Amino acid sequence: MDDKTRTELEAAAFRRLVQHLQERTDVQNIDLMNLAGFCRNCLSKWYRAAAEERGVALSDPDARQIVYGMPYEEWKQKHQNEASPQQLQGFAGSQKASSH
């Protein structure tokens, strides 16, 4: 597989992942962090960092809007629930296990 095709496939898979995360508003970021070690915010930070590495100016709010499909504050108001004690406990444990 040539580099151009690989990049196109990776970009398509990324777009599908973002679409999936936008559609699955029932899945909270803390649950993603607890299970997978990353969340929508992580993805937006990676996106912004990739832009920065290529000399493209992209703010954190703009990167988050790309990932969330709307301004982050709007997403939080519509979809973010308060974390349960179990979720917070799992998050604390996952932070000890990783350097995230």
PDB file of N, CA and C in Angstrom:
ATOM      1  N   MET A   1       0.856  -1.171   0.000  1.00  0.00           N
ATOM      2  CA  MET A   1       0.000   0.000   0.000  1.00  0.00           C
ATOM      3  C   MET A   1       0.901   1.233   0.000  1.00  0.00           C
ATOM      4  N   ASP A   2       0.598   2.161  -0.876  1.00  0.00           N
ATOM      5  CA  ASP A   2       1.419   3.370  -0.927  1.00  0.00           C
ATOM      6  C   ASP A   2       1.003   4.351   0.175  1.00  0.00           C
ATOM      7  N   ASP A   3       1.873   5.330   0.447  1.00  0.00           N
ATOM      8  CA  ASP A   3       1.641   6.282   1.537  1.00  0.00           C
ATOM      9  C   ASP A   3       0.375   7.105   1.342  1.00  0.00           C
ATOM     10  N   LYS A   4       0.093   7.499   0.113  1.00  0.00           N
ATOM     11  CA  LYS A   4      -1.103   8.311  -0.155  1.00  0.00           C
ATOM     12  C   LYS A   4      -2.370   7.527   0.202  1.00  0.00           C
ATOM     13  N   THR A   5      -2.430   6.279  -0.226  1.00  0.00           N
ATOM     14  CA  THR A   5      -3.596   5.442   0.068  1.00  0.00           C
ATOM     15  C   THR A   5      -3.719   5.208   1.565  1.00  0.00           C
ATOM     16  N   ARG A   6      -2.595   4.919   2.221  1.00  0.00           N
ATOM     17  CA  ARG A   6      -2.615   4.708   3.670  1.00  0.00           C
ATOM     18  C   ARG A   6      -3.140   5.940   4.386  1.00  0.00           C
ATOM     19  N   THR A   7      -2.671   7.113   3.992  1.00  0.00           N
ATOM     20  CA  THR A   7      -3.125   8.361   4.611  1.00  0.00           C
ATOM     21  C   THR A   7      -4.612   8.574   4.374  1.00  0.00           C
ATOM     22  N   GLU A   8      -5.085   8.286   3.174  1.00  0.00           N
ATOM     23  CA  GLU A   8      -6.512   8.435   2.871  1.00  0.00           C
ATOM     24  C   GLU A   8      -7.363   7.486   3.715  1.00  0.00           C
ATOM     25  N   LEU A   9      -6.894   6.251   3.881  1.00  0.00           N
ATOM     26  CA  LEU A   9      -7.624   5.285   4.697  1.00  0.00           C
ATOM     27  C   LEU A   9      -7.619   5.687   6.172  1.00  0.00           C
ATOM     28  N   GLU A  10      -6.486   6.157   6.649  1.00  0.00           N
ATOM     29  CA  GLU A  10      -6.411   6.614   8.034  1.00  0.00           C
ATOM     30  C   GLU A  10      -7.338   7.804   8.264  1.00  0.00           C
ATOM     31  N   ALA A  11      -7.369   8.722   7.310  1.00  0.00           N
ATOM     32  CA  ALA A  11      -8.255   9.879   7.432  1.00  0.00           C
ATOM     33  C   ALA A  11      -9.717   9.451   7.429  1.00  0.00           C
ATOM     34  N   ALA A  12     -10.066   8.503   6.594  1.00  0.00           N
ATOM     35  CA  ALA A  12     -11.451   8.019   6.551  1.00  0.00           C
ATOM     36  C   ALA A  12     -11.819   7.333   7.866  1.00  0.00           C
ATOM     37  N   ALA A  13     -10.908   6.540   8.404  1.00  0.00           N
ATOM     38  CA  ALA A  13     -11.170   5.873   9.676  1.00  0.00           C
ATOM     39  C   ALA A  13     -11.306   6.903  10.802  1.00  0.00           C
ATOM     40  N   PHE A  14     -10.482   7.938  10.797  1.00  0.00           N
ATOM     41  CA  PHE A  14     -10.582   8.998  11.794  1.00  0.00           C
ATOM     42  C   PHE A  14     -11.935   9.700  11.704  1.00  0.00           C
ATOM     43  N   ARG A  15     -12.346  10.038  10.477  1.00  0.00           N
ATOM     44  CA  ARG A  15     -13.646  10.707  10.308  1.00  0.00           C
ATOM     45  C   ARG A  15     -14.774   9.819  10.818  1.00  0.00           C
ATOM     46  N   ARG A  16     -14.685   8.530  10.583  1.00  0.00           N
ATOM     47  CA  ARG A  16     -15.718   7.602  11.067  1.00  0.00           C
ATOM     48  C   ARG A  16     -15.708   7.514  12.588  1.00  0.00           C
ATOM     49  N   LEU A  17     -14.535   7.510  13.197  1.00  0.00           N
ATOM     50  CA  LEU A  17     -14.435   7.504  14.652  1.00  0.00           C
ATOM     51  C   LEU A  17     -15.077   8.769  15.229  1.00  0.00           C
ATOM     52  N   VAL A  18     -14.768   9.918  14.659  1.00  0.00           N
ATOM     53  CA  VAL A  18     -15.348  11.178  15.132  1.00  0.00           C
ATOM     54  C   VAL A  18     -16.866  11.147  14.977  1.00  0.00           C
ATOM     55  N   GLN A  19     -17.350  10.683  13.842  1.00  0.00           N
ATOM     56  CA  GLN A  19     -18.794  10.580  13.623  1.00  0.00           C
ATOM     57  C   GLN A  19     -19.434   9.670  14.668  1.00  0.00           C
ATOM     58  N   HIS A  20     -18.799   8.546  14.923  1.00  0.00           N
ATOM     59  CA  HIS A  20     -19.313   7.590  15.901  1.00  0.00           C
ATOM     60  C   HIS A  20     -19.388   8.228  17.289  1.00  0.00           C
ATOM     61  N   LEU A  21     -18.345   8.934  17.694  1.00  0.00           N
ATOM     62  CA  LEU A  21     -18.337   9.589  19.000  1.00  0.00           C
ATOM     63  C   LEU A  21     -19.382  10.697  19.080  1.00  0.00           C
ATOM     64  N   GLN A  22     -19.619  11.388  17.958  1.00  0.00           N
ATOM     65  CA  GLN A  22     -20.659  12.423  17.934  1.00  0.00           C
ATOM     66  C   GLN A  22     -22.046  11.812  18.059  1.00  0.00           C
ATOM     67  N   GLU A  23     -22.242  10.649  17.473  1.00  0.00           N
ATOM     68  CA  GLU A  23     -23.547   9.974  17.535  1.00  0.00           C
ATOM     69  C   GLU A  23     -23.789   9.323  18.886  1.00  0.00           C
ATOM     70  N   ARG A  24     -22.746   8.874  19.558  1.00  0.00           N
ATOM     71  CA  ARG A  24     -22.874   8.151  20.830  1.00  0.00           C
ATOM     72  C   ARG A  24     -22.747   9.117  22.006  1.00  0.00           C
ATOM     73  N   THR A  25     -23.671  10.060  22.058  1.00  0.00           N
ATOM     74  CA  THR A  25     -23.654  11.042  23.141  1.00  0.00           C
ATOM     75  C   THR A  25     -23.973  10.396  24.488  1.00  0.00           C
ATOM     76  N   ASP A  26     -24.509   9.166  24.468  1.00  0.00           N
ATOM     77  CA  ASP A  26     -24.782   8.464  25.718  1.00  0.00           C
ATOM     78  C   ASP A  26     -23.500   7.978  26.392  1.00  0.00           C
ATOM     79  N   VAL A  27     -22.426   7.888  25.647  1.00  0.00           N
ATOM     80  CA  VAL A  27     -21.150   7.442  26.200  1.00  0.00           C
ATOM     81  C   VAL A  27     -20.414   8.667  26.730  1.00  0.00           C
ATOM     82  N   GLN A  28     -20.210   8.674  28.024  1.00  0.00           N
ATOM     83  CA  GLN A  28     -19.558   9.800  28.681  1.00  0.00           C
ATOM     84  C   GLN A  28     -18.040   9.715  28.514  1.00  0.00           C
ATOM     85  N   ASN A  29     -17.396  10.875  28.512  1.00  0.00           N
ATOM     86  CA  ASN A  29     -15.937  10.912  28.391  1.00  0.00           C
ATOM     87  C   ASN A  29     -15.253  10.133  29.505  1.00  0.00           C
ATOM     88  N   ILE A  30     -15.772  10.226  30.709  1.00  0.00           N
ATOM     89  CA  ILE A  30     -15.138   9.515  31.819  1.00  0.00           C
ATOM     90  C   ILE A  30     -15.192   8.003  31.596  1.00  0.00           C
ATOM     91  N   ASP A  31     -16.269   7.520  30.981  1.00  0.00           N
ATOM     92  CA  ASP A  31     -16.355   6.093  30.664  1.00  0.00           C
ATOM     93  C   ASP A  31     -15.318   5.712  29.606  1.00  0.00           C
ATOM     94  N   LEU A  32     -15.153   6.560  28.609  1.00  0.00           N
ATOM     95  CA  LEU A  32     -14.117   6.317  27.601  1.00  0.00           C
ATOM     96  C   LEU A  32     -12.738   6.279  28.251  1.00  0.00           C
ATOM     97  N   MET A  33     -12.476   7.234  29.129  1.00  0.00           N
ATOM     98  CA  MET A  33     -11.178   7.270  29.808  1.00  0.00           C
ATOM     99  C   MET A  33     -10.969   6.007  30.640  1.00  0.00           C
ATOM    100  N   ASN A  34     -12.007   5.607  31.366  1.00  0.00           N
ATOM    101  CA  ASN A  34     -11.880   4.442  32.235  1.00  0.00           C
ATOM    102  C   ASN A  34     -11.667   3.154  31.444  1.00  0.00           C
ATOM    103  N   LEU A  35     -12.293   3.050  30.291  1.00  0.00           N
ATOM    104  CA  LEU A  35     -12.209   1.812  29.507  1.00  0.00           C
ATOM    105  C   LEU A  35     -11.085   1.808  28.471  1.00  0.00           C
ATOM    106  N   ALA A  36     -10.867   2.966  27.840  1.00  0.00           N
ATOM    107  CA  ALA A  36      -9.937   2.993  26.715  1.00  0.00           C
ATOM    108  C   ALA A  36      -8.701   3.854  26.947  1.00  0.00           C
ATOM    109  N   GLY A  37      -8.722   4.661  27.994  1.00  0.00           N
ATOM    110  CA  GLY A  37      -7.561   5.501  28.267  1.00  0.00           C
ATOM    111  C   GLY A  37      -7.492   6.772  27.444  1.00  0.00           C
ATOM    112  N   PHE A  38      -8.570   7.083  26.730  1.00  0.00           N
ATOM    113  CA  PHE A  38      -8.655   8.348  26.001  1.00  0.00           C
ATOM    114  C   PHE A  38     -10.119   8.732  25.895  1.00  0.00           C
ATOM    115  N   CYS A  39     -10.361  10.010  25.570  1.00  0.00           N
ATOM    116  CA  CYS A  39     -11.734  10.489  25.417  1.00  0.00           C
ATOM    117  C   CYS A  39     -11.787  11.501  24.281  1.00  0.00           C
ATOM    118  N   ARG A  40     -12.927  12.110  24.104  1.00  0.00           N
ATOM    119  CA  ARG A  40     -13.102  13.106  23.052  1.00  0.00           C
ATOM    120  C   ARG A  40     -12.122  14.265  23.223  1.00  0.00           C
ATOM    121  N   ASN A  41     -11.894  14.679  24.485  1.00  0.00           N
ATOM    122  CA  ASN A  41     -10.953  15.775  24.720  1.00  0.00           C
ATOM    123  C   ASN A  41      -9.543  15.387  24.315  1.00  0.00           C
ATOM    124  N   CYS A  42      -9.140  14.167  24.612  1.00  0.00           N
ATOM    125  CA  CYS A  42      -7.824  13.687  24.193  1.00  0.00           C
ATOM    126  C   CYS A  42      -7.705  13.742  22.674  1.00  0.00           C
ATOM    127  N   LEU A  43      -8.721  13.245  22.002  1.00  0.00           N
ATOM    128  CA  LEU A  43      -8.714  13.225  20.543  1.00  0.00           C
ATOM    129  C   LEU A  43      -8.583  14.633  19.977  1.00  0.00           C
ATOM    130  N   SER A  44      -9.297  15.586  20.576  1.00  0.00           N
ATOM    131  CA  SER A  44      -9.202  16.964  20.083  1.00  0.00           C
ATOM    132  C   SER A  44      -7.820  17.541  20.349  1.00  0.00           C
ATOM    133  N   LYS A  45      -7.192  17.177  21.468  1.00  0.00           N
ATOM    134  CA  LYS A  45      -5.828  17.650  21.752  1.00  0.00           C
ATOM    135  C   LYS A  45      -4.827  17.048  20.774  1.00  0.00           C
ATOM    136  N   TRP A  46      -5.008  15.767  20.434  1.00  0.00           N
ATOM    137  CA  TRP A  46      -4.126  15.139  19.453  1.00  0.00           C
ATOM    138  C   TRP A  46      -4.285  15.802  18.087  1.00  0.00           C
ATOM    139  N   TYR A  47      -5.509  16.156  17.746  1.00  0.00           N
ATOM    140  CA  TYR A  47      -5.794  16.825  16.472  1.00  0.00           C
ATOM    141  C   TYR A  47      -5.103  18.187  16.432  1.00  0.00           C
ATOM    142  N   ARG A  48      -5.248  18.952  17.534  1.00  0.00           N
ATOM    143  CA  ARG A  48      -4.619  20.269  17.599  1.00  0.00           C
ATOM    144  C   ARG A  48      -3.103  20.146  17.533  1.00  0.00           C
ATOM    145  N   ALA A  49      -2.536  19.169  18.231  1.00  0.00           N
ATOM    146  CA  ALA A  49      -1.091  18.964  18.216  1.00  0.00           C
ATOM    147  C   ALA A  49      -0.598  18.607  16.811  1.00  0.00           C
ATOM    148  N   ALA A  50      -1.360  17.788  16.100  1.00  0.00           N
ATOM    149  CA  ALA A  50      -0.981  17.428  14.727  1.00  0.00           C
ATOM    150  C   ALA A  50      -1.012  18.663  13.831  1.00  0.00           C
ATOM    151  N   ALA A  51      -1.994  19.507  14.032  1.00  0.00           N
ATOM    152  CA  ALA A  51      -2.059  20.756  13.259  1.00  0.00           C
ATOM    153  C   ALA A  51      -0.845  21.629  13.574  1.00  0.00           C
ATOM    154  N   GLU A  52      -0.544  21.761  14.849  1.00  0.00           N
ATOM    155  CA  GLU A  52       0.585  22.582  15.285  1.00  0.00           C
ATOM    156  C   GLU A  52       1.898  22.075  14.695  1.00  0.00           C
ATOM    157  N   GLU A  53       2.078  20.750  14.674  1.00  0.00           N
ATOM    158  CA  GLU A  53       3.296  20.157  14.103  1.00  0.00           C
ATOM    159  C   GLU A  53       3.459  20.507  12.630  1.00  0.00           C
ATOM    160  N   ARG A  54       2.343  20.785  11.979  1.00  0.00           N
ATOM    161  CA  ARG A  54       2.377  21.109  10.550  1.00  0.00           C
ATOM    162  C   ARG A  54       2.262  22.606  10.290  1.00  0.00           C
ATOM    163  N   GLY A  55       2.381  23.403  11.351  1.00  0.00           N
ATOM    164  CA  GLY A  55       2.343  24.855  11.201  1.00  0.00           C
ATOM    165  C   GLY A  55       0.958  25.424  10.984  1.00  0.00           C
ATOM    166  N   VAL A  56      -0.079  24.653  11.330  1.00  0.00           N
ATOM    167  CA  VAL A  56      -1.465  25.102  11.162  1.00  0.00           C
ATOM    168  C   VAL A  56      -1.972  25.571  12.524  1.00  0.00           C
ATOM    169  N   ALA A  57      -2.403  26.820  12.579  1.00  0.00           N
ATOM    170  CA  ALA A  57      -2.931  27.361  13.832  1.00  0.00           C
ATOM    171  C   ALA A  57      -4.333  26.809  14.065  1.00  0.00           C
ATOM    172  N   LEU A  58      -4.524  26.189  15.221  1.00  0.00           N
ATOM    173  CA  LEU A  58      -5.823  25.638  15.589  1.00  0.00           C
ATOM    174  C   LEU A  58      -5.937  25.728  17.102  1.00  0.00           C
ATOM    175  N   SER A  59      -6.941  26.434  17.565  1.00  0.00           N
ATOM    176  CA  SER A  59      -7.124  26.590  19.002  1.00  0.00           C
ATOM    177  C   SER A  59      -7.748  25.331  19.597  1.00  0.00           C
ATOM    178  N   ASP A  60      -7.611  25.181  20.915  1.00  0.00           N
ATOM    179  CA  ASP A  60      -8.265  24.057  21.593  1.00  0.00           C
ATOM    180  C   ASP A  60      -9.780  24.080  21.381  1.00  0.00           C
ATOM    181  N   PRO A  61     -10.452  25.248  21.535  1.00  0.00           N
ATOM    182  CA  PRO A  61     -11.907  25.252  21.294  1.00  0.00           C
ATOM    183  C   PRO A  61     -12.277  24.845  19.864  1.00  0.00           C
ATOM    184  N   ASP A  62     -11.489  25.272  18.886  1.00  0.00           N
ATOM    185  CA  ASP A  62     -11.780  24.893  17.498  1.00  0.00           C
ATOM    186  C   ASP A  62     -11.566  23.399  17.276  1.00  0.00           C
ATOM    187  N   ALA A  63     -10.519  22.846  17.866  1.00  0.00           N
ATOM    188  CA  ALA A  63     -10.273  21.405  17.738  1.00  0.00           C
ATOM    189  C   ALA A  63     -11.382  20.614  18.420  1.00  0.00           C
ATOM    190  N   ARG A  64     -11.823  21.085  19.584  1.00  0.00           N
ATOM    191  CA  ARG A  64     -12.918  20.398  20.273  1.00  0.00           C
ATOM    192  C   ARG A  64     -14.193  20.437  19.445  1.00  0.00           C
ATOM    193  N   GLN A  65     -14.455  21.567  18.798  1.00  0.00           N
ATOM    194  CA  GLN A  65     -15.668  21.661  17.976  1.00  0.00           C
ATOM    195  C   GLN A  65     -15.617  20.667  16.819  1.00  0.00           C
ATOM    196  N   ILE A  66     -14.447  20.438  16.266  1.00  0.00           N
ATOM    197  CA  ILE A  66     -14.299  19.451  15.195  1.00  0.00           C
ATOM    198  C   ILE A  66     -14.668  18.066  15.717  1.00  0.00           C
ATOM    199  N   VAL A  67     -14.189  17.728  16.905  1.00  0.00           N
ATOM    200  CA  VAL A  67     -14.434  16.394  17.465  1.00  0.00           C
ATOM    201  C   VAL A  67     -15.862  16.258  17.988  1.00  0.00           C
ATOM    202  N   TYR A  68     -16.351  17.267  18.680  1.00  0.00           N
ATOM    203  CA  TYR A  68     -17.692  17.187  19.284  1.00  0.00           C
ATOM    204  C   TYR A  68     -18.807  17.489  18.288  1.00  0.00           C
ATOM    205  N   GLY A  69     -18.495  18.179  17.205  1.00  0.00           N
ATOM    206  CA  GLY A  69     -19.526  18.540  16.227  1.00  0.00           C
ATOM    207  C   GLY A  69     -20.344  19.755  16.648  1.00  0.00           C
ATOM    208  N   MET A  70     -19.917  20.409  17.708  1.00  0.00           N
ATOM    209  CA  MET A  70     -20.571  21.602  18.237  1.00  0.00           C
ATOM    210  C   MET A  70     -19.616  22.204  19.265  1.00  0.00           C
ATOM    211  N   PRO A  71     -19.865  23.428  19.680  1.00  0.00           N
ATOM    212  CA  PRO A  71     -19.014  23.984  20.738  1.00  0.00           C
ATOM    213  C   PRO A  71     -19.054  23.090  21.979  1.00  0.00           C
ATOM    214  N   TYR A  72     -17.911  22.948  22.615  1.00  0.00           N
ATOM    215  CA  TYR A  72     -17.772  22.056  23.766  1.00  0.00           C
ATOM    216  C   TYR A  72     -18.759  22.391  24.869  1.00  0.00           C
ATOM    217  N   GLU A  73     -18.946  23.658  25.178  1.00  0.00           N
ATOM    218  CA  GLU A  73     -19.877  24.050  26.246  1.00  0.00           C
ATOM    219  C   GLU A  73     -21.302  23.613  25.919  1.00  0.00           C
ATOM    220  N   GLU A  74     -21.676  23.699  24.654  1.00  0.00           N
ATOM    221  CA  GLU A  74     -23.009  23.244  24.241  1.00  0.00           C
ATOM    222  C   GLU A  74     -23.137  21.738  24.422  1.00  0.00           C
ATOM    223  N   TRP A  75     -22.095  20.985  24.021  1.00  0.00           N
ATOM    224  CA  TRP A  75     -22.128  19.529  24.176  1.00  0.00           C
ATOM    225  C   TRP A  75     -22.275  19.164  25.655  1.00  0.00           C
ATOM    226  N   LYS A  76     -21.498  19.840  26.520  1.00  0.00           N
ATOM    227  CA  LYS A  76     -21.568  19.539  27.950  1.00  0.00           C
ATOM    228  C   LYS A  76     -22.977  19.785  28.484  1.00  0.00           C
ATOM    229  N   GLN A  77     -23.594  20.888  28.098  1.00  0.00           N
ATOM    230  CA  GLN A  77     -24.944  21.197  28.568  1.00  0.00           C
ATOM    231  C   GLN A  77     -25.949  20.163  28.096  1.00  0.00           C
ATOM    232  N   LYS A  78     -25.809  19.707  26.856  1.00  0.00           N
ATOM    233  CA  LYS A  78     -26.775  18.770  26.286  1.00  0.00           C
ATOM    234  C   LYS A  78     -26.547  17.323  26.711  1.00  0.00           C
ATOM    235  N   HIS A  79     -25.295  16.921  26.880  1.00  0.00           N
ATOM    236  CA  HIS A  79     -25.001  15.495  26.959  1.00  0.00           C
ATOM    237  C   HIS A  79     -24.178  15.035  28.165  1.00  0.00           C
ATOM    238  N   GLN A  80     -23.473  15.930  28.844  1.00  0.00           N
ATOM    239  CA  GLN A  80     -22.595  15.471  29.917  1.00  0.00           C
ATOM    240  C   GLN A  80     -23.351  15.346  31.229  1.00  0.00           C
ATOM    241  N   ASN A  81     -23.233  14.190  31.828  1.00  0.00           N
ATOM    242  CA  ASN A  81     -23.830  13.935  33.132  1.00  0.00           C
ATOM    243  C   ASN A  81     -22.763  14.081  34.208  1.00  0.00           C
ATOM    244  N   GLU A  82     -23.215  14.303  35.438  1.00  0.00           N
ATOM    245  CA  GLU A  82     -22.275  14.332  36.548  1.00  0.00           C
ATOM    246  C   GLU A  82     -21.731  12.922  36.760  1.00  0.00           C
ATOM    247  N   ALA A  83     -20.441  12.835  36.986  1.00  0.00           N
ATOM    248  CA  ALA A  83     -19.803  11.536  37.166  1.00  0.00           C
ATOM    249  C   ALA A  83     -20.254  10.902  38.477  1.00  0.00           C
ATOM    250  N   SER A  84     -20.499   9.612  38.427  1.00  0.00           N
ATOM    251  CA  SER A  84     -20.885   8.867  39.622  1.00  0.00           C
ATOM    252  C   SER A  84     -19.639   8.593  40.466  1.00  0.00           C
ATOM    253  N   PRO A  85     -19.829   8.245  41.729  1.00  0.00           N
ATOM    254  CA  PRO A  85     -18.676   7.868  42.556  1.00  0.00           C
ATOM    255  C   PRO A  85     -17.880   6.702  41.953  1.00  0.00           C
ATOM    256  N   GLN A  86     -18.582   5.747  41.335  1.00  0.00           N
ATOM    257  CA  GLN A  86     -17.901   4.604  40.718  1.00  0.00           C
ATOM    258  C   GLN A  86     -17.055   5.054  39.520  1.00  0.00           C
ATOM    259  N   GLN A  87     -17.610   5.973  38.714  1.00  0.00           N
ATOM    260  CA  GLN A  87     -16.851   6.475  37.581  1.00  0.00           C
ATOM    261  C   GLN A  87     -15.605   7.222  38.053  1.00  0.00           C
ATOM    262  N   LEU A  88     -15.764   8.049  39.067  1.00  0.00           N
ATOM    263  CA  LEU A  88     -14.628   8.808  39.600  1.00  0.00           C
ATOM    264  C   LEU A  88     -13.565   7.880  40.188  1.00  0.00           C
ATOM    265  N   GLN A  89     -14.017   6.833  40.860  1.00  0.00           N
ATOM    266  CA  GLN A  89     -13.077   5.860  41.431  1.00  0.00           C
ATOM    267  C   GLN A  89     -12.312   5.156  40.309  1.00  0.00           C
ATOM    268  N   GLY A  90     -13.028   4.748  39.265  1.00  0.00           N
ATOM    269  CA  GLY A  90     -12.378   4.112  38.127  1.00  0.00           C
ATOM    270  C   GLY A  90     -11.398   5.037  37.446  1.00  0.00           C
ATOM    271  N   PHE A  91     -11.768   6.310  37.340  1.00  0.00           N
ATOM    272  CA  PHE A  91     -10.888   7.293  36.716  1.00  0.00           C
ATOM    273  C   PHE A  91      -9.621   7.473  37.543  1.00  0.00           C
ATOM    274  N   ALA A  92      -9.768   7.578  38.844  1.00  0.00           N
ATOM    275  CA  ALA A  92      -8.605   7.734  39.714  1.00  0.00           C
ATOM    276  C   ALA A  92      -7.669   6.542  39.567  1.00  0.00           C
ATOM    277  N   GLY A  93      -8.238   5.349  39.488  1.00  0.00           N
ATOM    278  CA  GLY A  93      -7.424   4.155  39.311  1.00  0.00           C
ATOM    279  C   GLY A  93      -6.739   4.120  37.963  1.00  0.00           C
ATOM    280  N   SER A  94      -7.424   4.565  36.935  1.00  0.00           N
ATOM    281  CA  SER A  94      -6.821   4.545  35.595  1.00  0.00           C
ATOM    282  C   SER A  94      -5.707   5.569  35.474  1.00  0.00           C
ATOM    283  N   GLN A  95      -5.818   6.668  36.215  1.00  0.00           N
ATOM    284  CA  GLN A  95      -4.769   7.688  36.179  1.00  0.00           C
ATOM    285  C   GLN A  95      -3.493   7.191  36.858  1.00  0.00           C
ATOM    286  N   LYS A  96      -3.639   6.376  37.885  1.00  0.00           N
ATOM    287  CA  LYS A  96      -2.481   5.807  38.549  1.00  0.00           C
ATOM    288  C   LYS A  96      -1.760   4.802  37.631  1.00  0.00           C
ATOM    289  N   ALA A  97      -2.556   4.121  36.801  1.00  0.00           N
ATOM    290  CA  ALA A  97      -2.001   3.073  35.942  1.00  0.00           C
ATOM    291  C   ALA A  97      -1.367   3.626  34.670  1.00  0.00           C
ATOM    292  N   SER A  98      -1.677   4.872  34.328  1.00  0.00           N
ATOM    293  CA  SER A  98      -1.126   5.439  33.091  1.00  0.00           C
ATOM    294  C   SER A  98      -0.521   6.796  33.377  1.00  0.00           C
ATOM    295  N   SER A  99       0.180   7.284  32.395  1.00  0.00           N
ATOM    296  CA  SER A  99       0.797   8.619  32.535  1.00  0.00           C
ATOM    297  C   SER A  99      -0.014   9.665  31.813  1.00  0.00           C
ATOM    298  N   HIS A 100      -1.283   9.386  31.518  1.00  0.00           N
ATOM    299  CA  HIS A 100      -2.139  10.312  30.776  1.00  0.00           C
ATOM    300  C   HIS A 100      -2.321  11.611  31.512  1.00  0.00           C
TER     301      HIS A 100
END
